[in-house]
Amino acid sequence: MSLKVKDLRVFVPAKDFEESLRFYEAIGFKKKWQHEDALAELQIGRHRIWLQNYYVKEWAENFMISIEVDDAAEWWRMINDLIVRDKFDSIRVKPPKEEPWGATITYCWDPSGVLIHFTQDT
């Protein structure tokens, strides 16, 4: 018997599926597959998520994704530019913050309120 894990993907909620899809593609995810306006597989590097056209406010606002990056400040700058250039009014992003546990994190809320941690080990 082999208990090896080959992959792990999470299902990310989307309040407005098309806006969320546009956001994730704008930050570098590539759409690998989409079924109508119900579900899309998105990939960044070798990591994947399922974006689903399903939304419960309490769930979405308590859902978090941690993405380890080399430079949290670069992600903050890029997302700030996206908000202005692509008119993503529903996105929020905070400047990088050094946390006491030894990481610098840029906190970003996607169009559905999902909190994304762009985490840089320090």
PDB file of N, CA and C in Angstrom:
ATOM      1  N   MET A   1       0.852  -1.174   0.000  1.00  0.00           N
ATOM      2  CA  MET A   1       0.000   0.000   0.000  1.00  0.00           C
ATOM      3  C   MET A   1       0.897   1.237   0.000  1.00  0.00           C
ATOM      4  N   SER A   2       0.549   2.215  -0.836  1.00  0.00           N
ATOM      5  CA  SER A   2       1.291   3.470  -0.896  1.00  0.00           C
ATOM      6  C   SER A   2       0.396   4.609  -0.435  1.00  0.00           C
ATOM      7  N   LEU A   3       0.873   5.353   0.541  1.00  0.00           N
ATOM      8  CA  LEU A   3       0.119   6.500   1.052  1.00  0.00           C
ATOM      9  C   LEU A   3       0.706   7.817   0.559  1.00  0.00           C
ATOM     10  N   LYS A   4       1.452   7.768  -0.520  1.00  0.00           N
ATOM     11  CA  LYS A   4       2.078   8.955  -1.080  1.00  0.00           C
ATOM     12  C   LYS A   4       1.019   9.925  -1.606  1.00  0.00           C
ATOM     13  N   VAL A   5       1.171  11.202  -1.272  1.00  0.00           N
ATOM     14  CA  VAL A   5       0.298  12.248  -1.793  1.00  0.00           C
ATOM     15  C   VAL A   5       0.916  12.771  -3.084  1.00  0.00           C
ATOM     16  N   LYS A   6       0.161  12.752  -4.164  1.00  0.00           N
ATOM     17  CA  LYS A   6       0.665  13.197  -5.457  1.00  0.00           C
ATOM     18  C   LYS A   6       0.332  14.651  -5.752  1.00  0.00           C
ATOM     19  N   ASP A   7      -0.719  15.167  -5.142  1.00  0.00           N
ATOM     20  CA  ASP A   7      -1.151  16.538  -5.410  1.00  0.00           C
ATOM     21  C   ASP A   7      -2.118  16.960  -4.312  1.00  0.00           C
ATOM     22  N   LEU A   8      -2.278  18.249  -4.159  1.00  0.00           N
ATOM     23  CA  LEU A   8      -3.234  18.797  -3.200  1.00  0.00           C
ATOM     24  C   LEU A   8      -3.781  20.080  -3.799  1.00  0.00           C
ATOM     25  N   ARG A   9      -5.093  20.172  -3.924  1.00  0.00           N
ATOM     26  CA  ARG A   9      -5.734  21.368  -4.467  1.00  0.00           C
ATOM     27  C   ARG A   9      -6.883  21.777  -3.559  1.00  0.00           C
ATOM     28  N   VAL A  10      -7.104  23.065  -3.458  1.00  0.00           N
ATOM     29  CA  VAL A  10      -8.229  23.573  -2.680  1.00  0.00           C
ATOM     30  C   VAL A  10      -9.279  24.147  -3.625  1.00  0.00           C
ATOM     31  N   PHE A  11     -10.516  24.164  -3.168  1.00  0.00           N
ATOM     32  CA  PHE A  11     -11.622  24.753  -3.905  1.00  0.00           C
ATOM     33  C   PHE A  11     -11.834  26.160  -3.346  1.00  0.00           C
ATOM     34  N   VAL A  12     -11.612  27.152  -4.179  1.00  0.00           N
ATOM     35  CA  VAL A  12     -11.675  28.559  -3.774  1.00  0.00           C
ATOM     36  C   VAL A  12     -13.034  29.125  -4.190  1.00  0.00           C
ATOM     37  N   PRO A  13     -13.748  29.757  -3.249  1.00  0.00           N
ATOM     38  CA  PRO A  13     -15.065  30.305  -3.580  1.00  0.00           C
ATOM     39  C   PRO A  13     -14.969  31.564  -4.432  1.00  0.00           C
ATOM     40  N   ALA A  14     -15.991  31.764  -5.259  1.00  0.00           N
ATOM     41  CA  ALA A  14     -16.058  32.967  -6.093  1.00  0.00           C
ATOM     42  C   ALA A  14     -17.458  33.550  -6.027  1.00  0.00           C
ATOM     43  N   LYS A  15     -17.534  34.778  -5.579  1.00  0.00           N
ATOM     44  CA  LYS A  15     -18.813  35.500  -5.541  1.00  0.00           C
ATOM     45  C   LYS A  15     -19.240  35.882  -6.951  1.00  0.00           C
ATOM     46  N   ASP A  16     -18.303  36.437  -7.710  1.00  0.00           N
ATOM     47  CA  ASP A  16     -18.493  36.758  -9.127  1.00  0.00           C
ATOM     48  C   ASP A  16     -17.425  35.966  -9.869  1.00  0.00           C
ATOM     49  N   PHE A  17     -17.816  34.843 -10.443  1.00  0.00           N
ATOM     50  CA  PHE A  17     -16.872  33.902 -11.033  1.00  0.00           C
ATOM     51  C   PHE A  17     -15.963  34.564 -12.067  1.00  0.00           C
ATOM     52  N   GLU A  18     -16.524  35.354 -12.968  1.00  0.00           N
ATOM     53  CA  GLU A  18     -15.728  35.979 -14.034  1.00  0.00           C
ATOM     54  C   GLU A  18     -14.724  36.987 -13.474  1.00  0.00           C
ATOM     55  N   GLU A  19     -15.132  37.777 -12.484  1.00  0.00           N
ATOM     56  CA  GLU A  19     -14.207  38.735 -11.875  1.00  0.00           C
ATOM     57  C   GLU A  19     -13.085  38.018 -11.131  1.00  0.00           C
ATOM     58  N   SER A  20     -13.421  36.968 -10.398  1.00  0.00           N
ATOM     59  CA  SER A  20     -12.395  36.208  -9.685  1.00  0.00           C
ATOM     60  C   SER A  20     -11.436  35.541 -10.659  1.00  0.00           C
ATOM     61  N   LEU A  21     -11.960  34.989 -11.739  1.00  0.00           N
ATOM     62  CA  LEU A  21     -11.117  34.373 -12.758  1.00  0.00           C
ATOM     63  C   LEU A  21     -10.170  35.412 -13.356  1.00  0.00           C
ATOM     64  N   ARG A  22     -10.688  36.587 -13.661  1.00  0.00           N
ATOM     65  CA  ARG A  22      -9.871  37.674 -14.216  1.00  0.00           C
ATOM     66  C   ARG A  22      -8.776  38.082 -13.226  1.00  0.00           C
ATOM     67  N   PHE A  23      -9.101  38.141 -11.935  1.00  0.00           N
ATOM     68  CA  PHE A  23      -8.119  38.506 -10.915  1.00  0.00           C
ATOM     69  C   PHE A  23      -6.997  37.475 -10.835  1.00  0.00           C
ATOM     70  N   TYR A  24      -7.360  36.199 -10.710  1.00  0.00           N
ATOM     71  CA  TYR A  24      -6.328  35.172 -10.563  1.00  0.00           C
ATOM     72  C   TYR A  24      -5.437  35.088 -11.804  1.00  0.00           C
ATOM     73  N   GLU A  25      -6.017  35.265 -12.977  1.00  0.00           N
ATOM     74  CA  GLU A  25      -5.193  35.292 -14.190  1.00  0.00           C
ATOM     75  C   GLU A  25      -4.294  36.523 -14.200  1.00  0.00           C
ATOM     76  N   ALA A  26      -4.779  37.641 -13.701  1.00  0.00           N
ATOM     77  CA  ALA A  26      -3.985  38.879 -13.677  1.00  0.00           C
ATOM     78  C   ALA A  26      -2.780  38.764 -12.747  1.00  0.00           C
ATOM     79  N   ILE A  27      -2.888  37.935 -11.691  1.00  0.00           N
ATOM     80  CA  ILE A  27      -1.726  37.795 -10.791  1.00  0.00           C
ATOM     81  C   ILE A  27      -0.832  36.625 -11.185  1.00  0.00           C
ATOM     82  N   GLY A  28      -1.103  36.005 -12.321  1.00  0.00           N
ATOM     83  CA  GLY A  28      -0.171  35.011 -12.832  1.00  0.00           C
ATOM     84  C   GLY A  28      -0.663  33.587 -12.952  1.00  0.00           C
ATOM     85  N   PHE A  29      -1.875  33.297 -12.488  1.00  0.00           N
ATOM     86  CA  PHE A  29      -2.416  31.956 -12.659  1.00  0.00           C
ATOM     87  C   PHE A  29      -2.811  31.748 -14.116  1.00  0.00           C
ATOM     88  N   LYS A  30      -2.608  30.552 -14.612  1.00  0.00           N
ATOM     89  CA  LYS A  30      -3.007  30.178 -15.969  1.00  0.00           C
ATOM     90  C   LYS A  30      -4.202  29.245 -15.880  1.00  0.00           C
ATOM     91  N   LYS A  31      -5.205  29.515 -16.708  1.00  0.00           N
ATOM     92  CA  LYS A  31      -6.379  28.645 -16.727  1.00  0.00           C
ATOM     93  C   LYS A  31      -6.025  27.377 -17.493  1.00  0.00           C
ATOM     94  N   LYS A  32      -6.119  26.233 -16.823  1.00  0.00           N
ATOM     95  CA  LYS A  32      -5.824  24.948 -17.439  1.00  0.00           C
ATOM     96  C   LYS A  32      -7.080  24.305 -18.013  1.00  0.00           C
ATOM     97  N   TRP A  33      -8.220  24.589 -17.380  1.00  0.00           N
ATOM     98  CA  TRP A  33      -9.460  23.942 -17.764  1.00  0.00           C
ATOM     99  C   TRP A  33     -10.616  24.733 -17.159  1.00  0.00           C
ATOM    100  N   GLN A  34     -11.720  24.794 -17.871  1.00  0.00           N
ATOM    101  CA  GLN A  34     -12.909  25.455 -17.336  1.00  0.00           C
ATOM    102  C   GLN A  34     -14.150  24.704 -17.801  1.00  0.00           C
ATOM    103  N   HIS A  35     -15.092  24.535 -16.889  1.00  0.00           N
ATOM    104  CA  HIS A  35     -16.391  23.949 -17.213  1.00  0.00           C
ATOM    105  C   HIS A  35     -17.438  25.035 -17.052  1.00  0.00           C
ATOM    106  N   GLU A  36     -17.897  25.537 -18.192  1.00  0.00           N
ATOM    107  CA  GLU A  36     -18.900  26.598 -18.229  1.00  0.00           C
ATOM    108  C   GLU A  36     -18.491  27.711 -17.275  1.00  0.00           C
ATOM    109  N   ASP A  37     -19.435  28.239 -16.516  1.00  0.00           N
ATOM    110  CA  ASP A  37     -19.116  29.260 -15.513  1.00  0.00           C
ATOM    111  C   ASP A  37     -19.222  28.670 -14.119  1.00  0.00           C
ATOM    112  N   ALA A  38     -18.857  27.388 -14.000  1.00  0.00           N
ATOM    113  CA  ALA A  38     -19.030  26.686 -12.730  1.00  0.00           C
ATOM    114  C   ALA A  38     -17.724  26.370 -12.033  1.00  0.00           C
ATOM    115  N   LEU A  39     -16.688  26.027 -12.785  1.00  0.00           N
ATOM    116  CA  LEU A  39     -15.452  25.552 -12.178  1.00  0.00           C
ATOM    117  C   LEU A  39     -14.297  25.766 -13.147  1.00  0.00           C
ATOM    118  N   ALA A  40     -13.162  26.198 -12.604  1.00  0.00           N
ATOM    119  CA  ALA A  40     -11.955  26.356 -13.423  1.00  0.00           C
ATOM    120  C   ALA A  40     -10.756  25.868 -12.631  1.00  0.00           C
ATOM    121  N   GLU A  41      -9.875  25.162 -13.315  1.00  0.00           N
ATOM    122  CA  GLU A  41      -8.610  24.757 -12.719  1.00  0.00           C
ATOM    123  C   GLU A  41      -7.578  25.806 -13.111  1.00  0.00           C
ATOM    124  N   LEU A  42      -6.925  26.395 -12.113  1.00  0.00           N
ATOM    125  CA  LEU A  42      -5.923  27.434 -12.342  1.00  0.00           C
ATOM    126  C   LEU A  42      -4.586  26.965 -11.804  1.00  0.00           C
ATOM    127  N   GLN A  43      -3.519  27.340 -12.485  1.00  0.00           N
ATOM    128  CA  GLN A  43      -2.189  26.889 -12.091  1.00  0.00           C
ATOM    129  C   GLN A  43      -1.212  28.057 -12.098  1.00  0.00           C
ATOM    130  N   ILE A  44      -0.368  28.076 -11.072  1.00  0.00           N
ATOM    131  CA  ILE A  44       0.748  29.018 -11.011  1.00  0.00           C
ATOM    132  C   ILE A  44       1.971  28.185 -10.623  1.00  0.00           C
ATOM    133  N   GLY A  45       2.994  28.227 -11.462  1.00  0.00           N
ATOM    134  CA  GLY A  45       4.111  27.304 -11.261  1.00  0.00           C
ATOM    135  C   GLY A  45       3.579  25.892 -11.390  1.00  0.00           C
ATOM    136  N   ARG A  46       3.866  25.067 -10.402  1.00  0.00           N
ATOM    137  CA  ARG A  46       3.322  23.705 -10.423  1.00  0.00           C
ATOM    138  C   ARG A  46       2.172  23.532  -9.421  1.00  0.00           C
ATOM    139  N   HIS A  47       1.651  24.627  -8.939  1.00  0.00           N
ATOM    140  CA  HIS A  47       0.598  24.612  -7.921  1.00  0.00           C
ATOM    141  C   HIS A  47      -0.745  24.980  -8.555  1.00  0.00           C
ATOM    142  N   ARG A  48      -1.797  24.281  -8.099  1.00  0.00           N
ATOM    143  CA  ARG A  48      -3.110  24.473  -8.706  1.00  0.00           C
ATOM    144  C   ARG A  48      -4.195  24.692  -7.659  1.00  0.00           C
ATOM    145  N   ILE A  49      -5.234  25.382  -8.106  1.00  0.00           N
ATOM    146  CA  ILE A  49      -6.451  25.554  -7.313  1.00  0.00           C
ATOM    147  C   ILE A  49      -7.644  25.293  -8.227  1.00  0.00           C
ATOM    148  N   TRP A  50      -8.781  25.038  -7.603  1.00  0.00           N
ATOM    149  CA  TRP A  50     -10.056  24.982  -8.310  1.00  0.00           C
ATOM    150  C   TRP A  50     -10.819  26.243  -7.919  1.00  0.00           C
ATOM    151  N   LEU A  51     -11.132  27.079  -8.887  1.00  0.00           N
ATOM    152  CA  LEU A  51     -11.984  28.242  -8.637  1.00  0.00           C
ATOM    153  C   LEU A  51     -13.410  27.807  -8.938  1.00  0.00           C
ATOM    154  N   GLN A  52     -14.286  27.960  -7.950  1.00  0.00           N
ATOM    155  CA  GLN A  52     -15.657  27.481  -8.132  1.00  0.00           C
ATOM    156  C   GLN A  52     -16.661  28.621  -8.027  1.00  0.00           C
ATOM    157  N   ASN A  53     -17.684  28.520  -8.831  1.00  0.00           N
ATOM    158  CA  ASN A  53     -18.751  29.504  -8.823  1.00  0.00           C
ATOM    159  C   ASN A  53     -19.720  29.143  -7.704  1.00  0.00           C
ATOM    160  N   TYR A  54     -19.235  29.336  -6.498  1.00  0.00           N
ATOM    161  CA  TYR A  54     -20.007  29.027  -5.300  1.00  0.00           C
ATOM    162  C   TYR A  54     -19.554  29.999  -4.229  1.00  0.00           C
ATOM    163  N   TYR A  55     -20.506  30.585  -3.505  1.00  0.00           N
ATOM    164  CA  TYR A  55     -20.148  31.624  -2.552  1.00  0.00           C
ATOM    165  C   TYR A  55     -21.068  31.583  -1.350  1.00  0.00           C
ATOM    166  N   VAL A  56     -20.446  31.523  -0.189  1.00  0.00           N
ATOM    167  CA  VAL A  56     -21.119  31.738   1.087  1.00  0.00           C
ATOM    168  C   VAL A  56     -20.247  32.763   1.807  1.00  0.00           C
ATOM    169  N   LYS A  57     -20.803  33.923   2.092  1.00  0.00           N
ATOM    170  CA  LYS A  57     -20.028  35.044   2.631  1.00  0.00           C
ATOM    171  C   LYS A  57     -19.151  34.640   3.813  1.00  0.00           C
ATOM    172  N   GLU A  58     -19.724  33.975   4.800  1.00  0.00           N
ATOM    173  CA  GLU A  58     -18.975  33.615   6.000  1.00  0.00           C
ATOM    174  C   GLU A  58     -17.806  32.683   5.683  1.00  0.00           C
ATOM    175  N   TRP A  59     -18.025  31.770   4.751  1.00  0.00           N
ATOM    176  CA  TRP A  59     -16.970  30.833   4.359  1.00  0.00           C
ATOM    177  C   TRP A  59     -15.873  31.567   3.597  1.00  0.00           C
ATOM    178  N   ALA A  60     -16.262  32.355   2.599  1.00  0.00           N
ATOM    179  CA  ALA A  60     -15.273  33.061   1.773  1.00  0.00           C
ATOM    180  C   ALA A  60     -14.424  34.002   2.621  1.00  0.00           C
ATOM    181  N   GLU A  61     -15.045  34.697   3.547  1.00  0.00           N
ATOM    182  CA  GLU A  61     -14.308  35.665   4.371  1.00  0.00           C
ATOM    183  C   GLU A  61     -13.491  35.000   5.471  1.00  0.00           C
ATOM    184  N   ASN A  62     -13.585  33.682   5.602  1.00  0.00           N
ATOM    185  CA  ASN A  62     -12.761  32.947   6.554  1.00  0.00           C
ATOM    186  C   ASN A  62     -11.789  32.007   5.837  1.00  0.00           C
ATOM    187  N   PHE A  63     -11.795  32.048   4.513  1.00  0.00           N
ATOM    188  CA  PHE A  63     -10.952  31.191   3.696  1.00  0.00           C
ATOM    189  C   PHE A  63      -9.621  31.895   3.449  1.00  0.00           C
ATOM    190  N   MET A  64      -8.511  31.173   3.582  1.00  0.00           N
ATOM    191  CA  MET A  64      -7.189  31.767   3.392  1.00  0.00           C
ATOM    192  C   MET A  64      -6.318  30.867   2.538  1.00  0.00           C
ATOM    193  N   ILE A  65      -5.462  31.514   1.772  1.00  0.00           N
ATOM    194  CA  ILE A  65      -4.468  30.819   0.960  1.00  0.00           C
ATOM    195  C   ILE A  65      -3.116  31.422   1.308  1.00  0.00           C
ATOM    196  N   SER A  66      -2.126  30.581   1.522  1.00  0.00           N
ATOM    197  CA  SER A  66      -0.761  31.053   1.760  1.00  0.00           C
ATOM    198  C   SER A  66       0.086  30.692   0.552  1.00  0.00           C
ATOM    199  N   ILE A  67       0.722  31.694  -0.032  1.00  0.00           N
ATOM    200  CA  ILE A  67       1.584  31.491  -1.191  1.00  0.00           C
ATOM    201  C   ILE A  67       2.979  31.971  -0.808  1.00  0.00           C
ATOM    202  N   GLU A  68       3.941  31.064  -0.777  1.00  0.00           N
ATOM    203  CA  GLU A  68       5.308  31.440  -0.433  1.00  0.00           C
ATOM    204  C   GLU A  68       5.969  32.063  -1.653  1.00  0.00           C
ATOM    205  N   VAL A  69       6.537  33.261  -1.456  1.00  0.00           N
ATOM    206  CA  VAL A  69       7.151  34.027  -2.541  1.00  0.00           C
ATOM    207  C   VAL A  69       8.543  34.483  -2.141  1.00  0.00           C
ATOM    208  N   ASP A  70       9.328  34.905  -3.127  1.00  0.00           N
ATOM    209  CA  ASP A  70      10.672  35.422  -2.850  1.00  0.00           C
ATOM    210  C   ASP A  70      10.650  36.852  -2.340  1.00  0.00           C
ATOM    211  N   ASP A  71       9.657  37.659  -2.803  1.00  0.00           N
ATOM    212  CA  ASP A  71       9.653  39.087  -2.486  1.00  0.00           C
ATOM    213  C   ASP A  71       8.218  39.572  -2.282  1.00  0.00           C
ATOM    214  N   ALA A  72       7.792  39.670  -1.031  1.00  0.00           N
ATOM    215  CA  ALA A  72       6.429  40.098  -0.708  1.00  0.00           C
ATOM    216  C   ALA A  72       6.165  41.530  -1.159  1.00  0.00           C
ATOM    217  N   ALA A  73       7.177  42.374  -1.139  1.00  0.00           N
ATOM    218  CA  ALA A  73       7.019  43.773  -1.563  1.00  0.00           C
ATOM    219  C   ALA A  73       6.709  43.866  -3.058  1.00  0.00           C
ATOM    220  N   GLU A  74       7.337  43.011  -3.858  1.00  0.00           N
ATOM    221  CA  GLU A  74       7.054  43.010  -5.304  1.00  0.00           C
ATOM    222  C   GLU A  74       5.607  42.617  -5.572  1.00  0.00           C
ATOM    223  N   TRP A  75       5.107  41.667  -4.830  1.00  0.00           N
ATOM    224  CA  TRP A  75       3.704  41.268  -4.980  1.00  0.00           C
ATOM    225  C   TRP A  75       2.788  42.413  -4.589  1.00  0.00           C
ATOM    226  N   TRP A  76       3.114  43.127  -3.532  1.00  0.00           N
ATOM    227  CA  TRP A  76       2.307  44.278  -3.113  1.00  0.00           C
ATOM    228  C   TRP A  76       2.275  45.329  -4.218  1.00  0.00           C
ATOM    229  N   ARG A  77       3.426  45.645  -4.789  1.00  0.00           N
ATOM    230  CA  ARG A  77       3.485  46.640  -5.871  1.00  0.00           C
ATOM    231  C   ARG A  77       2.665  46.174  -7.082  1.00  0.00           C
ATOM    232  N   MET A  78       2.814  44.936  -7.467  1.00  0.00           N
ATOM    233  CA  MET A  78       2.103  44.422  -8.634  1.00  0.00           C
ATOM    234  C   MET A  78       0.590  44.463  -8.427  1.00  0.00           C
ATOM    235  N   ILE A  79       0.131  44.060  -7.258  1.00  0.00           N
ATOM    236  CA  ILE A  79      -1.306  44.045  -6.989  1.00  0.00           C
ATOM    237  C   ILE A  79      -1.850  45.466  -6.893  1.00  0.00           C
ATOM    238  N   ASN A  80      -1.098  46.380  -6.291  1.00  0.00           N
ATOM    239  CA  ASN A  80      -1.511  47.782  -6.273  1.00  0.00           C
ATOM    240  C   ASN A  80      -1.692  48.312  -7.685  1.00  0.00           C
ATOM    241  N   ASP A  81      -0.756  47.992  -8.572  1.00  0.00           N
ATOM    242  CA  ASP A  81      -0.862  48.416  -9.973  1.00  0.00           C
ATOM    243  C   ASP A  81      -2.105  47.826 -10.639  1.00  0.00           C
ATOM    244  N   LEU A  82      -2.395  46.557 -10.352  1.00  0.00           N
ATOM    245  CA  LEU A  82      -3.583  45.909 -10.926  1.00  0.00           C
ATOM    246  C   LEU A  82      -4.868  46.610 -10.506  1.00  0.00           C
ATOM    247  N   ILE A  83      -4.943  46.977  -9.244  1.00  0.00           N
ATOM    248  CA  ILE A  83      -6.148  47.623  -8.722  1.00  0.00           C
ATOM    249  C   ILE A  83      -6.436  48.886  -9.518  1.00  0.00           C
ATOM    250  N   VAL A  84      -5.396  49.671  -9.782  1.00  0.00           N
ATOM    251  CA  VAL A  84      -5.561  50.922 -10.515  1.00  0.00           C
ATOM    252  C   VAL A  84      -5.775  50.652 -12.006  1.00  0.00           C
ATOM    253  N   ARG A  85      -4.878  49.882 -12.605  1.00  0.00           N
ATOM    254  CA  ARG A  85      -4.894  49.676 -14.058  1.00  0.00           C
ATOM    255  C   ARG A  85      -6.120  48.904 -14.525  1.00  0.00           C
ATOM    256  N   ASP A  86      -6.453  47.826 -13.823  1.00  0.00           N
ATOM    257  CA  ASP A  86      -7.540  46.952 -14.266  1.00  0.00           C
ATOM    258  C   ASP A  86      -8.847  47.206 -13.534  1.00  0.00           C
ATOM    259  N   LYS A  87      -8.856  48.248 -12.708  1.00  0.00           N
ATOM    260  CA  LYS A  87     -10.070  48.661 -11.988  1.00  0.00           C
ATOM    261  C   LYS A  87     -10.681  47.526 -11.162  1.00  0.00           C
ATOM    262  N   PHE A  88      -9.848  46.881 -10.370  1.00  0.00           N
ATOM    263  CA  PHE A  88     -10.322  45.858  -9.442  1.00  0.00           C
ATOM    264  C   PHE A  88     -10.739  46.555  -8.152  1.00  0.00           C
ATOM    265  N   ASP A  89     -11.934  47.112  -8.128  1.00  0.00           N
ATOM    266  CA  ASP A  89     -12.410  47.866  -6.967  1.00  0.00           C
ATOM    267  C   ASP A  89     -12.665  46.983  -5.749  1.00  0.00           C
ATOM    268  N   SER A  90     -12.890  45.697  -5.964  1.00  0.00           N
ATOM    269  CA  SER A  90     -13.247  44.813  -4.850  1.00  0.00           C
ATOM    270  C   SER A  90     -12.032  44.173  -4.183  1.00  0.00           C
ATOM    271  N   ILE A  91     -10.829  44.495  -4.661  1.00  0.00           N
ATOM    272  CA  ILE A  91      -9.610  43.917  -4.091  1.00  0.00           C
ATOM    273  C   ILE A  91      -9.007  44.879  -3.080  1.00  0.00           C
ATOM    274  N   ARG A  92      -8.501  44.309  -1.996  1.00  0.00           N
ATOM    275  CA  ARG A  92      -7.747  45.107  -1.024  1.00  0.00           C
ATOM    276  C   ARG A  92      -6.387  44.464  -0.849  1.00  0.00           C
ATOM    277  N   VAL A  93      -5.384  45.304  -0.611  1.00  0.00           N
ATOM    278  CA  VAL A  93      -4.037  44.801  -0.368  1.00  0.00           C
ATOM    279  C   VAL A  93      -3.366  45.723   0.640  1.00  0.00           C
ATOM    280  N   LYS A  94      -2.605  45.136   1.535  1.00  0.00           N
ATOM    281  CA  LYS A  94      -1.864  45.909   2.542  1.00  0.00           C
ATOM    282  C   LYS A  94      -0.376  45.816   2.244  1.00  0.00           C
ATOM    283  N   PRO A  95       0.368  46.856   2.580  1.00  0.00           N
ATOM    284  CA  PRO A  95       1.828  46.802   2.387  1.00  0.00           C
ATOM    285  C   PRO A  95       2.431  45.650   3.178  1.00  0.00           C
ATOM    286  N   PRO A  96       3.587  45.163   2.734  1.00  0.00           N
ATOM    287  CA  PRO A  96       4.234  44.050   3.441  1.00  0.00           C
ATOM    288  C   PRO A  96       4.449  44.379   4.913  1.00  0.00           C
ATOM    289  N   LYS A  97       4.284  43.357   5.726  1.00  0.00           N
ATOM    290  CA  LYS A  97       4.421  43.528   7.170  1.00  0.00           C
ATOM    291  C   LYS A  97       5.309  42.415   7.708  1.00  0.00           C
ATOM    292  N   GLU A  98       6.284  42.783   8.512  1.00  0.00           N
ATOM    293  CA  GLU A  98       7.104  41.769   9.175  1.00  0.00           C
ATOM    294  C   GLU A  98       6.328  41.229  10.361  1.00  0.00           C
ATOM    295  N   GLU A  99       6.143  39.930  10.367  1.00  0.00           N
ATOM    296  CA  GLU A  99       5.403  39.290  11.447  1.00  0.00           C
ATOM    297  C   GLU A  99       6.392  38.711  12.455  1.00  0.00           C
ATOM    298  N   PRO A 100       5.995  38.596  13.731  1.00  0.00           N
ATOM    299  CA  PRO A 100       6.916  38.139  14.780  1.00  0.00           C
ATOM    300  C   PRO A 100       7.413  36.705  14.596  1.00  0.00           C
ATOM    301  N   TRP A 101       6.750  35.914  13.763  1.00  0.00           N
ATOM    302  CA  TRP A 101       7.176  34.522  13.585  1.00  0.00           C
ATOM    303  C   TRP A 101       8.217  34.366  12.479  1.00  0.00           C
ATOM    304  N   GLY A 102       8.743  35.501  11.959  1.00  0.00           N
ATOM    305  CA  GLY A 102       9.857  35.420  11.025  1.00  0.00           C
ATOM    306  C   GLY A 102       9.478  35.407   9.562  1.00  0.00           C
ATOM    307  N   ALA A 103       8.405  36.069   9.212  1.00  0.00           N
ATOM    308  CA  ALA A 103       8.005  36.159   7.809  1.00  0.00           C
ATOM    309  C   ALA A 103       7.552  37.588   7.507  1.00  0.00           C
ATOM    310  N   THR A 104       7.742  37.996   6.271  1.00  0.00           N
ATOM    311  CA  THR A 104       7.186  39.255   5.779  1.00  0.00           C
ATOM    312  C   THR A 104       6.016  38.869   4.886  1.00  0.00           C
ATOM    313  N   ILE A 105       4.863  39.476   5.159  1.00  0.00           N
ATOM    314  CA  ILE A 105       3.644  39.058   4.465  1.00  0.00           C
ATOM    315  C   ILE A 105       2.929  40.253   3.856  1.00  0.00           C
ATOM    316  N   THR A 106       2.533  40.095   2.601  1.00  0.00           N
ATOM    317  CA  THR A 106       1.610  41.009   1.954  1.00  0.00           C
ATOM    318  C   THR A 106       0.243  40.344   2.016  1.00  0.00           C
ATOM    319  N   TYR A 107      -0.707  41.019   2.654  1.00  0.00           N
ATOM    320  CA  TYR A 107      -2.062  40.495   2.770  1.00  0.00           C
ATOM    321  C   TYR A 107      -2.909  41.085   1.649  1.00  0.00           C
ATOM    322  N   CYS A 108      -3.622  40.211   0.944  1.00  0.00           N
ATOM    323  CA  CYS A 108      -4.467  40.632  -0.169  1.00  0.00           C
ATOM    324  C   CYS A 108      -5.798  39.902  -0.068  1.00  0.00           C
ATOM    325  N   TRP A 109      -6.880  40.641  -0.295  1.00  0.00           N
ATOM    326  CA  TRP A 109      -8.214  40.046  -0.307  1.00  0.00           C
ATOM    327  C   TRP A 109      -8.703  40.008  -1.748  1.00  0.00           C
ATOM    328  N   ASP A 110      -9.042  38.827  -2.224  1.00  0.00           N
ATOM    329  CA  ASP A 110      -9.500  38.677  -3.606  1.00  0.00           C
ATOM    330  C   ASP A 110     -10.917  39.239  -3.758  1.00  0.00           C
ATOM    331  N   PRO A 111     -11.497  39.221  -4.946  1.00  0.00           N
ATOM    332  CA  PRO A 111     -12.825  39.820  -5.145  1.00  0.00           C
ATOM    333  C   PRO A 111     -13.939  39.226  -4.286  1.00  0.00           C
ATOM    334  N   SER A 112     -13.740  38.028  -3.747  1.00  0.00           N
ATOM    335  CA  SER A 112     -14.764  37.387  -2.915  1.00  0.00           C
ATOM    336  C   SER A 112     -14.496  37.534  -1.421  1.00  0.00           C
ATOM    337  N   GLY A 113     -13.371  38.160  -1.067  1.00  0.00           N
ATOM    338  CA  GLY A 113     -13.013  38.307   0.331  1.00  0.00           C
ATOM    339  C   GLY A 113     -12.069  37.244   0.849  1.00  0.00           C
ATOM    340  N   VAL A 114     -11.607  36.356  -0.025  1.00  0.00           N
ATOM    341  CA  VAL A 114     -10.629  35.332   0.355  1.00  0.00           C
ATOM    342  C   VAL A 114      -9.309  36.040   0.655  1.00  0.00           C
ATOM    343  N   LEU A 115      -8.718  35.706   1.791  1.00  0.00           N
ATOM    344  CA  LEU A 115      -7.449  36.324   2.204  1.00  0.00           C
ATOM    345  C   LEU A 115      -6.275  35.508   1.676  1.00  0.00           C
ATOM    346  N   ILE A 116      -5.424  36.182   0.894  1.00  0.00           N
ATOM    347  CA  ILE A 116      -4.236  35.540   0.353  1.00  0.00           C
ATOM    348  C   ILE A 116      -3.017  36.120   1.087  1.00  0.00           C
ATOM    349  N   HIS A 117      -2.186  35.235   1.628  1.00  0.00           N
ATOM    350  CA  HIS A 117      -0.941  35.631   2.285  1.00  0.00           C
ATOM    351  C   HIS A 117       0.196  35.401   1.288  1.00  0.00           C
ATOM    352  N   PHE A 118       0.826  36.459   0.816  1.00  0.00           N
ATOM    353  CA  PHE A 118       2.032  36.325   0.001  1.00  0.00           C
ATOM    354  C   PHE A 118       3.175  36.392   1.000  1.00  0.00           C
ATOM    355  N   THR A 119       3.725  35.232   1.325  1.00  0.00           N
ATOM    356  CA  THR A 119       4.634  35.067   2.452  1.00  0.00           C
ATOM    357  C   THR A 119       6.073  34.925   2.005  1.00  0.00           C
ATOM    358  N   GLN A 120       6.917  35.783   2.557  1.00  0.00           N
ATOM    359  CA  GLN A 120       8.365  35.743   2.294  1.00  0.00           C
ATOM    360  C   GLN A 120       9.067  35.397   3.602  1.00  0.00           C
ATOM    361  N   ASP A 121       9.780  34.290   3.609  1.00  0.00           N
ATOM    362  CA  ASP A 121      10.566  33.944   4.805  1.00  0.00           C
ATOM    363  C   ASP A 121      11.707  34.946   4.942  1.00  0.00           C
ATOM    364  N   THR A 122      11.935  35.365   6.211  1.00  0.00           N
ATOM    365  CA  THR A 122      13.031  36.328   6.455  1.00  0.00           C
ATOM    366  C   THR A 122      14.072  35.719   7.348  1.00  0.00           C
TER     367      THR A 122
END
